Amino acid sequence: MAKTSTGRIEVPEAKEAMDRFKMEVADEIGVPLSKDGYNGNLTSYENGSVGGYMVKKMIEAQEKEMSNRR
């Protein structure tokens, strides 16, 4: 999934999957993300924790995939 330095998703088909993933992660860690996209009521910490946990899960999935290729 390629992203530009502005954070824009370059593969349009990936947007829906990333949105679903973000909501799943938010549910897992208890951050109440709004389904309509407005999350101005959340703290920077809450928003950052969602993104950070998404990255952690993506790295774990990649590491698992790489270890299965051996």
PDB file of N, CA and C in Angstrom:
ATOM      1  N   MET A   1       0.847  -1.153   0.000  1.00  0.00           N
ATOM      2  CA  MET A   1       0.000   0.000   0.000  1.00  0.00           C
ATOM      3  C   MET A   1       0.901   1.226   0.000  1.00  0.00           C
ATOM      4  N   ALA A   2       0.934   1.912  -1.091  1.00  0.00           N
ATOM      5  CA  ALA A   2       1.811   3.062  -1.233  1.00  0.00           C
ATOM      6  C   ALA A   2       1.114   4.326  -0.751  1.00  0.00           C
ATOM      7  N   LYS A   3       1.844   5.102   0.030  1.00  0.00           N
ATOM      8  CA  LYS A   3       1.321   6.387   0.488  1.00  0.00           C
ATOM      9  C   LYS A   3       2.324   7.466   0.097  1.00  0.00           C
ATOM     10  N   THR A   4       1.810   8.634  -0.182  1.00  0.00           N
ATOM     11  CA  THR A   4       2.697   9.742  -0.484  1.00  0.00           C
ATOM     12  C   THR A   4       3.097  10.401   0.830  1.00  0.00           C
ATOM     13  N   SER A   5       3.994  11.362   0.755  1.00  0.00           N
ATOM     14  CA  SER A   5       4.415  12.056   1.966  1.00  0.00           C
ATOM     15  C   SER A   5       3.278  12.866   2.584  1.00  0.00           C
ATOM     16  N   THR A   6       2.212  13.090   1.841  1.00  0.00           N
ATOM     17  CA  THR A   6       1.063  13.807   2.388  1.00  0.00           C
ATOM     18  C   THR A   6       0.087  12.863   3.072  1.00  0.00           C
ATOM     19  N   GLY A   7       0.365  11.564   3.047  1.00  0.00           N
ATOM     20  CA  GLY A   7      -0.507  10.593   3.689  1.00  0.00           C
ATOM     21  C   GLY A   7      -1.654  10.129   2.809  1.00  0.00           C
ATOM     22  N   ARG A   8      -1.666  10.572   1.563  1.00  0.00           N
ATOM     23  CA  ARG A   8      -2.732  10.191   0.639  1.00  0.00           C
ATOM     24  C   ARG A   8      -2.505   8.768   0.156  1.00  0.00           C
ATOM     25  N   ILE A   9      -3.545   7.973   0.155  1.00  0.00           N
ATOM     26  CA  ILE A   9      -3.436   6.604  -0.329  1.00  0.00           C
ATOM     27  C   ILE A   9      -3.392   6.636  -1.845  1.00  0.00           C
ATOM     28  N   GLU A  10      -2.373   6.017  -2.417  1.00  0.00           N
ATOM     29  CA  GLU A  10      -2.176   6.043  -3.862  1.00  0.00           C
ATOM     30  C   GLU A  10      -2.996   5.001  -4.595  1.00  0.00           C
ATOM     31  N   VAL A  11      -3.409   3.953  -3.911  1.00  0.00           N
ATOM     32  CA  VAL A  11      -4.209   2.905  -4.530  1.00  0.00           C
ATOM     33  C   VAL A  11      -5.645   3.093  -4.044  1.00  0.00           C
ATOM     34  N   PRO A  12      -6.505   3.677  -4.887  1.00  0.00           N
ATOM     35  CA  PRO A  12      -7.866   4.005  -4.442  1.00  0.00           C
ATOM     36  C   PRO A  12      -8.632   2.817  -3.856  1.00  0.00           C
ATOM     37  N   GLU A  13      -8.376   1.631  -4.379  1.00  0.00           N
ATOM     38  CA  GLU A  13      -9.084   0.447  -3.887  1.00  0.00           C
ATOM     39  C   GLU A  13      -8.709   0.118  -2.443  1.00  0.00           C
ATOM     40  N   ALA A  14      -7.597   0.627  -1.981  1.00  0.00           N
ATOM     41  CA  ALA A  14      -7.127   0.330  -0.623  1.00  0.00           C
ATOM     42  C   ALA A  14      -7.802   1.198   0.428  1.00  0.00           C
ATOM     43  N   LYS A  15      -8.422   2.299   0.035  1.00  0.00           N
ATOM     44  CA  LYS A  15      -9.005   3.226   1.014  1.00  0.00           C
ATOM     45  C   LYS A  15     -10.049   2.545   1.881  1.00  0.00           C
ATOM     46  N   GLU A  16     -10.964   1.823   1.283  1.00  0.00           N
ATOM     47  CA  GLU A  16     -12.016   1.163   2.048  1.00  0.00           C
ATOM     48  C   GLU A  16     -11.425   0.143   3.022  1.00  0.00           C
ATOM     49  N   ALA A  17     -10.435  -0.617   2.570  1.00  0.00           N
ATOM     50  CA  ALA A  17      -9.797  -1.610   3.438  1.00  0.00           C
ATOM     51  C   ALA A  17      -9.073  -0.932   4.595  1.00  0.00           C
ATOM     52  N   MET A  18      -8.390   0.174   4.320  1.00  0.00           N
ATOM     53  CA  MET A  18      -7.690   0.899   5.384  1.00  0.00           C
ATOM     54  C   MET A  18      -8.683   1.496   6.378  1.00  0.00           C
ATOM     55  N   ASP A  19      -9.807   1.995   5.889  1.00  0.00           N
ATOM     56  CA  ASP A  19     -10.831   2.538   6.791  1.00  0.00           C
ATOM     57  C   ASP A  19     -11.385   1.441   7.701  1.00  0.00           C
ATOM     58  N   ARG A  20     -11.632   0.260   7.131  1.00  0.00           N
ATOM     59  CA  ARG A  20     -12.109  -0.869   7.947  1.00  0.00           C
ATOM     60  C   ARG A  20     -11.061  -1.264   8.985  1.00  0.00           C
ATOM     61  N   PHE A  21      -9.810  -1.325   8.547  1.00  0.00           N
ATOM     62  CA  PHE A  21      -8.717  -1.682   9.448  1.00  0.00           C
ATOM     63  C   PHE A  21      -8.610  -0.676  10.591  1.00  0.00           C
ATOM     64  N   LYS A  22      -8.722   0.605  10.268  1.00  0.00           N
ATOM     65  CA  LYS A  22      -8.646   1.650  11.287  1.00  0.00           C
ATOM     66  C   LYS A  22      -9.764   1.492  12.311  1.00  0.00           C
ATOM     67  N   MET A  23     -10.972   1.202  11.849  1.00  0.00           N
ATOM     68  CA  MET A  23     -12.099   1.027  12.766  1.00  0.00           C
ATOM     69  C   MET A  23     -11.909  -0.217  13.640  1.00  0.00           C
ATOM     70  N   GLU A  24     -11.390  -1.301  13.044  1.00  0.00           N
ATOM     71  CA  GLU A  24     -11.126  -2.523  13.819  1.00  0.00           C
ATOM     72  C   GLU A  24     -10.106  -2.261  14.912  1.00  0.00           C
ATOM     73  N   VAL A  25      -9.032  -1.563  14.570  1.00  0.00           N
ATOM     74  CA  VAL A  25      -7.986  -1.255  15.542  1.00  0.00           C
ATOM     75  C   VAL A  25      -8.548  -0.353  16.641  1.00  0.00           C
ATOM     76  N   ALA A  26      -9.305   0.659  16.262  1.00  0.00           N
ATOM     77  CA  ALA A  26      -9.888   1.566  17.253  1.00  0.00           C
ATOM     78  C   ALA A  26     -10.788   0.794  18.219  1.00  0.00           C
ATOM     79  N   ASP A  27     -11.593  -0.119  17.697  1.00  0.00           N
ATOM     80  CA  ASP A  27     -12.443  -0.946  18.556  1.00  0.00           C
ATOM     81  C   ASP A  27     -11.600  -1.792  19.503  1.00  0.00           C
ATOM     82  N   GLU A  28     -10.519  -2.383  18.977  1.00  0.00           N
ATOM     83  CA  GLU A  28      -9.642  -3.233  19.788  1.00  0.00           C
ATOM     84  C   GLU A  28      -9.050  -2.486  20.967  1.00  0.00           C
ATOM     85  N   ILE A  29      -8.643  -1.238  20.747  1.00  0.00           N
ATOM     86  CA  ILE A  29      -7.971  -0.498  21.818  1.00  0.00           C
ATOM     87  C   ILE A  29      -8.906   0.467  22.556  1.00  0.00           C
ATOM     88  N   GLY A  30     -10.184   0.441  22.188  1.00  0.00           N
ATOM     89  CA  GLY A  30     -11.175   1.220  22.925  1.00  0.00           C
ATOM     90  C   GLY A  30     -11.234   2.701  22.608  1.00  0.00           C
ATOM     91  N   VAL A  31     -10.848   3.077  21.403  1.00  0.00           N
ATOM     92  CA  VAL A  31     -10.933   4.480  20.986  1.00  0.00           C
ATOM     93  C   VAL A  31     -12.210   4.643  20.159  1.00  0.00           C
ATOM     94  N   PRO A  32     -13.111   5.517  20.599  1.00  0.00           N
ATOM     95  CA  PRO A  32     -14.405   5.663  19.913  1.00  0.00           C
ATOM     96  C   PRO A  32     -14.339   6.535  18.657  1.00  0.00           C
ATOM     97  N   LEU A  33     -13.833   5.977  17.561  1.00  0.00           N
ATOM     98  CA  LEU A  33     -13.786   6.728  16.300  1.00  0.00           C
ATOM     99  C   LEU A  33     -15.197   6.894  15.751  1.00  0.00           C
ATOM    100  N   SER A  34     -15.443   8.031  15.156  1.00  0.00           N
ATOM    101  CA  SER A  34     -16.736   8.313  14.544  1.00  0.00           C
ATOM    102  C   SER A  34     -16.789   7.705  13.153  1.00  0.00           C
ATOM    103  N   LYS A  35     -17.904   7.099  12.828  1.00  0.00           N
ATOM    104  CA  LYS A  35     -18.057   6.489  11.504  1.00  0.00           C
ATOM    105  C   LYS A  35     -18.213   7.549  10.413  1.00  0.00           C
ATOM    106  N   ASP A  36     -18.603   8.772  10.779  1.00  0.00           N
ATOM    107  CA  ASP A  36     -18.769   9.819   9.770  1.00  0.00           C
ATOM    108  C   ASP A  36     -17.469  10.559   9.461  1.00  0.00           C
ATOM    109  N   GLY A  37     -16.374  10.178  10.136  1.00  0.00           N
ATOM    110  CA  GLY A  37     -15.075  10.757   9.813  1.00  0.00           C
ATOM    111  C   GLY A  37     -14.641  11.908  10.693  1.00  0.00           C
ATOM    112  N   TYR A  38     -15.558  12.518  11.476  1.00  0.00           N
ATOM    113  CA  TYR A  38     -15.175  13.624  12.356  1.00  0.00           C
ATOM    114  C   TYR A  38     -14.755  13.076  13.713  1.00  0.00           C
ATOM    115  N   ASN A  39     -13.518  13.347  14.096  1.00  0.00           N
ATOM    116  CA  ASN A  39     -13.012  12.868  15.378  1.00  0.00           C
ATOM    117  C   ASN A  39     -12.356  13.984  16.176  1.00  0.00           C
ATOM    118  N   GLY A  40     -12.845  15.209  15.993  1.00  0.00           N
ATOM    119  CA  GLY A  40     -12.296  16.371  16.680  1.00  0.00           C
ATOM    120  C   GLY A  40     -12.464  16.325  18.183  1.00  0.00           C
ATOM    121  N   ASN A  41     -13.327  15.449  18.659  1.00  0.00           N
ATOM    122  CA  ASN A  41     -13.541  15.326  20.099  1.00  0.00           C
ATOM    123  C   ASN A  41     -12.505  14.430  20.769  1.00  0.00           C
ATOM    124  N   LEU A  42     -11.672  13.755  19.987  1.00  0.00           N
ATOM    125  CA  LEU A  42     -10.664  12.858  20.535  1.00  0.00           C
ATOM    126  C   LEU A  42      -9.359  13.608  20.789  1.00  0.00           C
ATOM    127  N   THR A  43      -8.592  13.100  21.728  1.00  0.00           N
ATOM    128  CA  THR A  43      -7.299  13.718  22.022  1.00  0.00           C
ATOM    129  C   THR A  43      -6.264  13.284  20.988  1.00  0.00           C
ATOM    130  N   SER A  44      -5.164  14.013  20.936  1.00  0.00           N
ATOM    131  CA  SER A  44      -4.057  13.636  20.051  1.00  0.00           C
ATOM    132  C   SER A  44      -3.542  12.257  20.427  1.00  0.00           C
ATOM    133  N   TYR A  45      -3.501  11.978  21.722  1.00  0.00           N
ATOM    134  CA  TYR A  45      -3.030  10.679  22.195  1.00  0.00           C
ATOM    135  C   TYR A  45      -3.922   9.560  21.665  1.00  0.00           C
ATOM    136  N   GLU A  46      -5.238   9.748  21.743  1.00  0.00           N
ATOM    137  CA  GLU A  46      -6.165   8.717  21.262  1.00  0.00           C
ATOM    138  C   GLU A  46      -5.995   8.491  19.768  1.00  0.00           C
ATOM    139  N   ASN A  47      -5.981   9.581  19.010  1.00  0.00           N
ATOM    140  CA  ASN A  47      -5.812   9.458  17.557  1.00  0.00           C
ATOM    141  C   ASN A  47      -4.470   8.825  17.207  1.00  0.00           C
ATOM    142  N   GLY A  48      -3.416   9.255  17.883  1.00  0.00           N
ATOM    143  CA  GLY A  48      -2.088   8.710  17.622  1.00  0.00           C
ATOM    144  C   GLY A  48      -1.973   7.244  17.979  1.00  0.00           C
ATOM    145  N   SER A  49      -2.688   6.844  19.020  1.00  0.00           N
ATOM    146  CA  SER A  49      -2.607   5.441  19.431  1.00  0.00           C
ATOM    147  C   SER A  49      -3.217   4.530  18.369  1.00  0.00           C
ATOM    148  N   VAL A  50      -4.233   5.007  17.674  1.00  0.00           N
ATOM    149  CA  VAL A  50      -4.838   4.203  16.603  1.00  0.00           C
ATOM    150  C   VAL A  50      -3.823   4.014  15.478  1.00  0.00           C
ATOM    151  N   GLY A  51      -3.225   5.098  15.032  1.00  0.00           N
ATOM    152  CA  GLY A  51      -2.233   5.006  13.959  1.00  0.00           C
ATOM    153  C   GLY A  51      -1.032   4.174  14.362  1.00  0.00           C
ATOM    154  N   GLY A  52      -0.558   4.351  15.571  1.00  0.00           N
ATOM    155  CA  GLY A  52       0.590   3.592  16.050  1.00  0.00           C
ATOM    156  C   GLY A  52       0.301   2.105  16.121  1.00  0.00           C
ATOM    157  N   TYR A  53      -0.888   1.754  16.591  1.00  0.00           N
ATOM    158  CA  TYR A  53      -1.241   0.343  16.696  1.00  0.00           C
ATOM    159  C   TYR A  53      -1.451  -0.270  15.315  1.00  0.00           C
ATOM    160  N   MET A  54      -1.963   0.536  14.374  1.00  0.00           N
ATOM    161  CA  MET A  54      -2.106   0.050  12.993  1.00  0.00           C
ATOM    162  C   MET A  54      -0.739  -0.313  12.433  1.00  0.00           C
ATOM    163  N   VAL A  55       0.243   0.571  12.644  1.00  0.00           N
ATOM    164  CA  VAL A  55       1.593   0.313  12.144  1.00  0.00           C
ATOM    165  C   VAL A  55       2.157  -0.944  12.800  1.00  0.00           C
ATOM    166  N   LYS A  56       1.965  -1.079  14.101  1.00  0.00           N
ATOM    167  CA  LYS A  56       2.466  -2.261  14.814  1.00  0.00           C
ATOM    168  C   LYS A  56       1.878  -3.539  14.219  1.00  0.00           C
ATOM    169  N   LYS A  57       0.572  -3.543  13.974  1.00  0.00           N
ATOM    170  CA  LYS A  57      -0.079  -4.737  13.424  1.00  0.00           C
ATOM    171  C   LYS A  57       0.393  -5.023  11.998  1.00  0.00           C
ATOM    172  N   MET A  58       0.618  -3.979  11.204  1.00  0.00           N
ATOM    173  CA  MET A  58       1.103  -4.183   9.839  1.00  0.00           C
ATOM    174  C   MET A  58       2.515  -4.755   9.843  1.00  0.00           C
ATOM    175  N   ILE A  59       3.362  -4.272  10.755  1.00  0.00           N
ATOM    176  CA  ILE A  59       4.725  -4.796  10.851  1.00  0.00           C
ATOM    177  C   ILE A  59       4.696  -6.254  11.290  1.00  0.00           C
ATOM    178  N   GLU A  60       3.867  -6.573  12.287  1.00  0.00           N
ATOM    179  CA  GLU A  60       3.751  -7.957  12.746  1.00  0.00           C
ATOM    180  C   GLU A  60       3.290  -8.880  11.612  1.00  0.00           C
ATOM    181  N   ALA A  61       2.315  -8.426  10.836  1.00  0.00           N
ATOM    182  CA  ALA A  61       1.815  -9.241   9.723  1.00  0.00           C
ATOM    183  C   ALA A  61       2.908  -9.450   8.676  1.00  0.00           C
ATOM    184  N   GLN A  62       3.678  -8.408   8.390  1.00  0.00           N
ATOM    185  CA  GLN A  62       4.757  -8.527   7.407  1.00  0.00           C
ATOM    186  C   GLN A  62       5.846  -9.459   7.905  1.00  0.00           C
ATOM    187  N   GLU A  63       6.200  -9.338   9.187  1.00  0.00           N
ATOM    188  CA  GLU A  63       7.224 -10.222   9.754  1.00  0.00           C
ATOM    189  C   GLU A  63       6.773 -11.681   9.694  1.00  0.00           C
ATOM    190  N   LYS A  64       5.494 -11.908   9.998  1.00  0.00           N
ATOM    191  CA  LYS A  64       4.950 -13.275   9.957  1.00  0.00           C
ATOM    192  C   LYS A  64       5.008 -13.817   8.531  1.00  0.00           C
ATOM    193  N   GLU A  65       4.618 -12.978   7.572  1.00  0.00           N
ATOM    194  CA  GLU A  65       4.653 -13.395   6.167  1.00  0.00           C
ATOM    195  C   GLU A  65       6.071 -13.704   5.725  1.00  0.00           C
ATOM    196  N   MET A  66       7.011 -12.865   6.125  1.00  0.00           N
ATOM    197  CA  MET A  66       8.408 -13.074   5.736  1.00  0.00           C
ATOM    198  C   MET A  66       8.969 -14.345   6.357  1.00  0.00           C
ATOM    199  N   SER A  67       8.587 -14.646   7.597  1.00  0.00           N
ATOM    200  CA  SER A  67       9.115 -15.850   8.254  1.00  0.00           C
ATOM    201  C   SER A  67       8.509 -17.118   7.643  1.00  0.00           C
ATOM    202  N   ASN A  68       7.329 -17.019   7.058  1.00  0.00           N
ATOM    203  CA  ASN A  68       6.696 -18.177   6.419  1.00  0.00           C
ATOM    204  C   ASN A  68       7.279 -18.469   5.044  1.00  0.00           C
ATOM    205  N   ARG A  69       8.031 -17.555   4.470  1.00  0.00           N
ATOM    206  CA  ARG A  69       8.614 -17.749   3.137  1.00  0.00           C
ATOM    207  C   ARG A  69       9.854 -18.619   3.169  1.00  0.00           C
ATOM    208  N   ARG A  70      10.417 -18.864   4.312  1.00  0.00           N
ATOM    209  CA  ARG A  70      11.679 -19.618   4.412  1.00  0.00           C
ATOM    210  C   ARG A  70      11.490 -21.065   4.168  1.00  0.00           C
TER     211      ARG A  70
END
